[in-house]
Amino acid sequence: MAYASLRGRKPMERASKISHADVINNPQVREFLTRCTVPRPAEDRIITELLVDVSPPTDKRIRIVVAVDGGFQEIPIQERFPAATLTFFTFGPLLLH
């Protein structure tokens, strides 16, 4: 996990990507990636047809809080819609209720 401090005593630190090596070299991950496909780019008119309005929730009481500290590394494969990326996540969740 990277951190930065503008005025504190901690120096700027970049997150290490070394933990991704185990994931990349995992035989099950490699086998899964062979079954993945990159989606064909959509026509612009299809994007507008898929847009929908979402109403705000009526019940505003907070019942559960989920806190997550983590990071990710994203590698773009296709930038047009629908986009395709390969992303590595590292995170630590905390659930309060």
Foldseek 3Di string as FASTA:
>chain_A
DWDDDDPDPDHGDDDDPVVCVCVVPDPVNVVVVVPDDDDDADDPVVVVVPDDDDDDDPDPDDDKDKDKDWDKDWDWPADHPVTDIDMDIDMDMDIDD
